[in-house]
């Protein structure tokens, strides 16, 4: 028994019978808006993660290099 396919088969039929055409189009529009909002909300987080990761890599890589070759950053 595949629950998803059962819902798609019977759930949509039940919704169509229970709701008017206007209500169905409103639900479709609301679902599309939620998907677009979710996709839009992902980008700032993704960009920040890439920036922070790049900075952390740079600090680690170049910081160790300065310490290793004694160019001033970690000398006491």
N, C-alpha and C. Protein backbone atom coordinates (compact mmCIF):
# COMPACT_ATOMS: atom_id res chain seq x y z
N UNK A 1 0.85 -1.19 0.00
CA UNK A 1 0.00 0.00 0.00
C UNK A 1 0.89 1.24 0.00
N UNK A 2 0.74 2.04 -1.02
CA UNK A 2 1.52 3.26 -1.12
C UNK A 2 0.64 4.43 -0.67
N UNK A 3 0.98 4.99 0.48
CA UNK A 3 0.15 6.02 1.07
C UNK A 3 0.07 7.27 0.20
N UNK A 4 1.19 7.65 -0.39
CA UNK A 4 1.21 8.85 -1.21
C UNK A 4 0.29 8.71 -2.43
N UNK A 5 0.41 7.58 -3.13
CA UNK A 5 -0.42 7.41 -4.31
C UNK A 5 -1.90 7.28 -3.94
N UNK A 6 -2.19 6.65 -2.77
CA UNK A 6 -3.57 6.58 -2.32
C UNK A 6 -4.13 7.96 -2.05
N UNK A 7 -3.32 8.79 -1.41
CA UNK A 7 -3.80 10.15 -1.15
C UNK A 7 -4.02 10.91 -2.45
N UNK A 8 -3.08 10.77 -3.38
CA UNK A 8 -3.23 11.47 -4.65
C UNK A 8 -4.48 11.00 -5.38
N UNK A 9 -4.75 9.72 -5.29
CA UNK A 9 -5.91 9.17 -5.99
C UNK A 9 -7.22 9.58 -5.32
N UNK A 10 -7.31 9.32 -3.99
CA UNK A 10 -8.58 9.54 -3.30
C UNK A 10 -8.68 10.92 -2.66
N UNK A 11 -7.56 11.45 -2.19
CA UNK A 11 -7.59 12.76 -1.54
C UNK A 11 -7.97 13.87 -2.49
N UNK A 12 -7.43 13.83 -3.68
CA UNK A 12 -7.76 14.87 -4.66
C UNK A 12 -9.22 14.75 -5.11
N UNK A 13 -9.69 13.53 -5.27
CA UNK A 13 -11.09 13.34 -5.65
C UNK A 13 -11.99 13.89 -4.55
N UNK A 14 -11.65 13.58 -3.30
CA UNK A 14 -12.45 14.08 -2.18
C UNK A 14 -12.42 15.60 -2.14
N UNK A 15 -11.22 16.19 -2.36
CA UNK A 15 -11.12 17.65 -2.34
C UNK A 15 -11.95 18.27 -3.46
N UNK A 16 -11.87 17.68 -4.64
CA UNK A 16 -12.64 18.23 -5.76
C UNK A 16 -14.14 18.18 -5.48
N UNK A 17 -14.59 17.10 -4.84
CA UNK A 17 -16.01 16.98 -4.54
C UNK A 17 -16.42 17.93 -3.41
N UNK A 18 -15.50 18.17 -2.47
CA UNK A 18 -15.85 18.96 -1.29
C UNK A 18 -15.73 20.45 -1.53
N UNK A 19 -14.82 20.85 -2.41
CA UNK A 19 -14.56 22.28 -2.60
C UNK A 19 -15.03 22.74 -3.98
N UNK A 20 -15.36 24.01 -4.04
CA UNK A 20 -15.74 24.58 -5.33
C UNK A 20 -14.48 24.84 -6.16
N UNK A 21 -14.67 25.13 -7.43
CA UNK A 21 -13.54 25.39 -8.32
C UNK A 21 -12.76 26.63 -7.86
N UNK A 22 -13.45 27.62 -7.37
CA UNK A 22 -12.81 28.84 -6.88
C UNK A 22 -11.91 28.55 -5.67
N UNK A 23 -12.40 27.72 -4.77
CA UNK A 23 -11.62 27.37 -3.59
C UNK A 23 -10.40 26.54 -3.97
N UNK A 24 -10.54 25.65 -4.95
CA UNK A 24 -9.41 24.85 -5.41
C UNK A 24 -8.31 25.73 -6.02
N UNK A 25 -8.71 26.71 -6.83
CA UNK A 25 -7.71 27.59 -7.45
C UNK A 25 -7.02 28.44 -6.37
N UNK A 26 -7.77 28.81 -5.32
CA UNK A 26 -7.16 29.56 -4.22
C UNK A 26 -6.10 28.71 -3.51
N UNK A 27 -6.41 27.42 -3.27
CA UNK A 27 -5.46 26.53 -2.62
C UNK A 27 -4.21 26.33 -3.48
N UNK A 28 -4.40 26.17 -4.79
CA UNK A 28 -3.25 26.02 -5.69
C UNK A 28 -2.36 27.26 -5.65
N UNK A 29 -3.00 28.43 -5.67
CA UNK A 29 -2.24 29.68 -5.64
C UNK A 29 -1.49 29.83 -4.31
N UNK A 30 -2.13 29.46 -3.21
CA UNK A 30 -1.48 29.55 -1.90
C UNK A 30 -0.29 28.60 -1.82
N UNK A 31 -0.42 27.41 -2.37
CA UNK A 31 0.68 26.45 -2.36
C UNK A 31 1.85 26.97 -3.20
N UNK A 32 1.56 27.54 -4.37
CA UNK A 32 2.62 28.10 -5.22
C UNK A 32 3.35 29.23 -4.50
N UNK A 33 2.60 30.08 -3.81
CA UNK A 33 3.20 31.20 -3.08
C UNK A 33 4.11 30.69 -1.97
N UNK A 34 3.69 29.64 -1.28
CA UNK A 34 4.53 29.08 -0.21
C UNK A 34 5.82 28.49 -0.76
N UNK A 35 5.74 27.82 -1.89
CA UNK A 35 6.94 27.24 -2.50
C UNK A 35 7.89 28.35 -2.92
N UNK A 36 7.36 29.40 -3.54
CA UNK A 36 8.21 30.52 -3.97
C UNK A 36 8.87 31.19 -2.76
N UNK A 37 8.11 31.38 -1.68
CA UNK A 37 8.66 32.00 -0.48
C UNK A 37 9.76 31.14 0.12
N UNK A 38 9.57 29.83 0.12
CA UNK A 38 10.60 28.93 0.67
C UNK A 38 11.87 29.00 -0.17
N UNK A 39 11.71 29.02 -1.49
CA UNK A 39 12.89 29.09 -2.35
C UNK A 39 13.60 30.42 -2.18
N UNK A 40 12.84 31.50 -2.03
CA UNK A 40 13.44 32.82 -1.84
C UNK A 40 14.19 32.89 -0.51
N UNK A 41 13.65 32.27 0.52
CA UNK A 41 14.27 32.33 1.85
C UNK A 41 15.55 31.53 1.92
N UNK A 42 15.76 30.61 1.02
CA UNK A 42 16.97 29.78 1.06
C UNK A 42 18.20 30.58 0.64
N UNK A 43 18.07 31.48 -0.33
CA UNK A 43 19.24 32.14 -0.92
C UNK A 43 20.08 32.94 0.06
N UNK A 44 19.51 33.81 0.92
CA UNK A 44 20.38 34.56 1.84
C UNK A 44 21.18 33.63 2.76
N UNK A 45 20.54 32.57 3.24
CA UNK A 45 21.24 31.63 4.12
C UNK A 45 22.37 30.93 3.37
N UNK A 46 22.10 30.54 2.15
CA UNK A 46 23.11 29.85 1.36
C UNK A 46 24.29 30.77 1.07
N UNK A 47 24.01 32.00 0.70
CA UNK A 47 25.09 32.96 0.40
C UNK A 47 25.92 33.23 1.66
N UNK A 48 25.25 33.41 2.80
CA UNK A 48 25.99 33.64 4.04
C UNK A 48 26.86 32.44 4.40
N UNK A 49 26.34 31.24 4.23
CA UNK A 49 27.11 30.04 4.54
C UNK A 49 28.36 29.96 3.66
N UNK A 50 28.22 30.28 2.39
CA UNK A 50 29.36 30.25 1.48
C UNK A 50 30.38 31.31 1.88
N UNK A 51 29.91 32.51 2.22
CA UNK A 51 30.82 33.58 2.62
C UNK A 51 31.57 33.23 3.90
N UNK A 52 30.85 32.75 4.90
CA UNK A 52 31.48 32.40 6.17
C UNK A 52 32.47 31.26 5.98
N UNK A 53 32.09 30.27 5.17
CA UNK A 53 32.99 29.16 4.90
C UNK A 53 34.26 29.61 4.20
N UNK A 54 34.10 30.53 3.25
CA UNK A 54 35.26 31.05 2.53
C UNK A 54 36.18 31.83 3.46
N UNK A 55 35.58 32.66 4.32
CA UNK A 55 36.39 33.42 5.27
C UNK A 55 37.11 32.50 6.26
N UNK A 56 36.39 31.50 6.74
CA UNK A 56 37.00 30.56 7.69
C UNK A 56 38.15 29.81 7.03
N UNK A 57 37.95 29.40 5.79
CA UNK A 57 39.02 28.70 5.07
C UNK A 57 40.23 29.62 4.90
N UNK A 58 39.96 30.86 4.52
CA UNK A 58 41.04 31.83 4.33
C UNK A 58 41.81 32.08 5.61
N UNK A 59 41.08 32.26 6.70
CA UNK A 59 41.74 32.47 7.99
C UNK A 59 42.60 31.27 8.36
N UNK A 60 42.05 30.10 8.18
CA UNK A 60 42.77 28.88 8.55
C UNK A 60 44.00 28.70 7.66
N UNK A 61 43.79 28.80 6.37
CA UNK A 61 44.86 28.52 5.41
C UNK A 61 45.98 29.55 5.52
N UNK A 62 45.62 30.83 5.43
CA UNK A 62 46.64 31.87 5.41
C UNK A 62 47.20 32.13 6.80
N UNK A 63 46.38 31.94 7.83
CA UNK A 63 46.86 32.08 9.19
C UNK A 63 47.94 31.06 9.51
N UNK A 64 47.70 29.82 9.13
CA UNK A 64 48.70 28.77 9.36
C UNK A 64 49.96 29.05 8.55
N UNK A 65 49.78 29.55 7.35
CA UNK A 65 50.94 29.82 6.51
C UNK A 65 51.80 30.92 7.14
N UNK A 66 51.16 31.98 7.66
CA UNK A 66 51.91 33.06 8.31
C UNK A 66 52.65 32.53 9.53
N UNK A 67 51.95 31.70 10.31
CA UNK A 67 52.56 31.16 11.52
C UNK A 67 53.76 30.27 11.15
N UNK A 68 53.58 29.49 10.10
CA UNK A 68 54.62 28.54 9.70
C UNK A 68 55.88 29.25 9.22
N UNK A 69 55.70 30.30 8.42
CA UNK A 69 56.85 30.97 7.83
C UNK A 69 57.29 32.21 8.60
N UNK A 70 56.60 32.52 9.71
CA UNK A 70 57.03 33.62 10.56
C UNK A 70 56.92 34.99 9.92
N UNK A 71 55.79 35.27 9.26
CA UNK A 71 55.64 36.56 8.59
C UNK A 71 54.93 37.58 9.46
N UNK A 72 54.75 37.31 10.74
CA UNK A 72 54.29 38.37 11.62
C UNK A 72 52.96 38.18 12.28
N UNK A 73 52.07 37.39 11.73
CA UNK A 73 50.71 37.36 12.26
C UNK A 73 50.66 36.73 13.65
N UNK A 74 51.39 35.66 13.87
CA UNK A 74 51.29 34.96 15.15
C UNK A 74 52.58 35.03 15.96
N UNK A 75 53.48 35.89 15.56
CA UNK A 75 54.73 36.01 16.31
C UNK A 75 54.48 36.79 17.59
N UNK A 76 55.14 36.39 18.67
CA UNK A 76 54.97 37.09 19.95
C UNK A 76 56.26 37.81 20.30
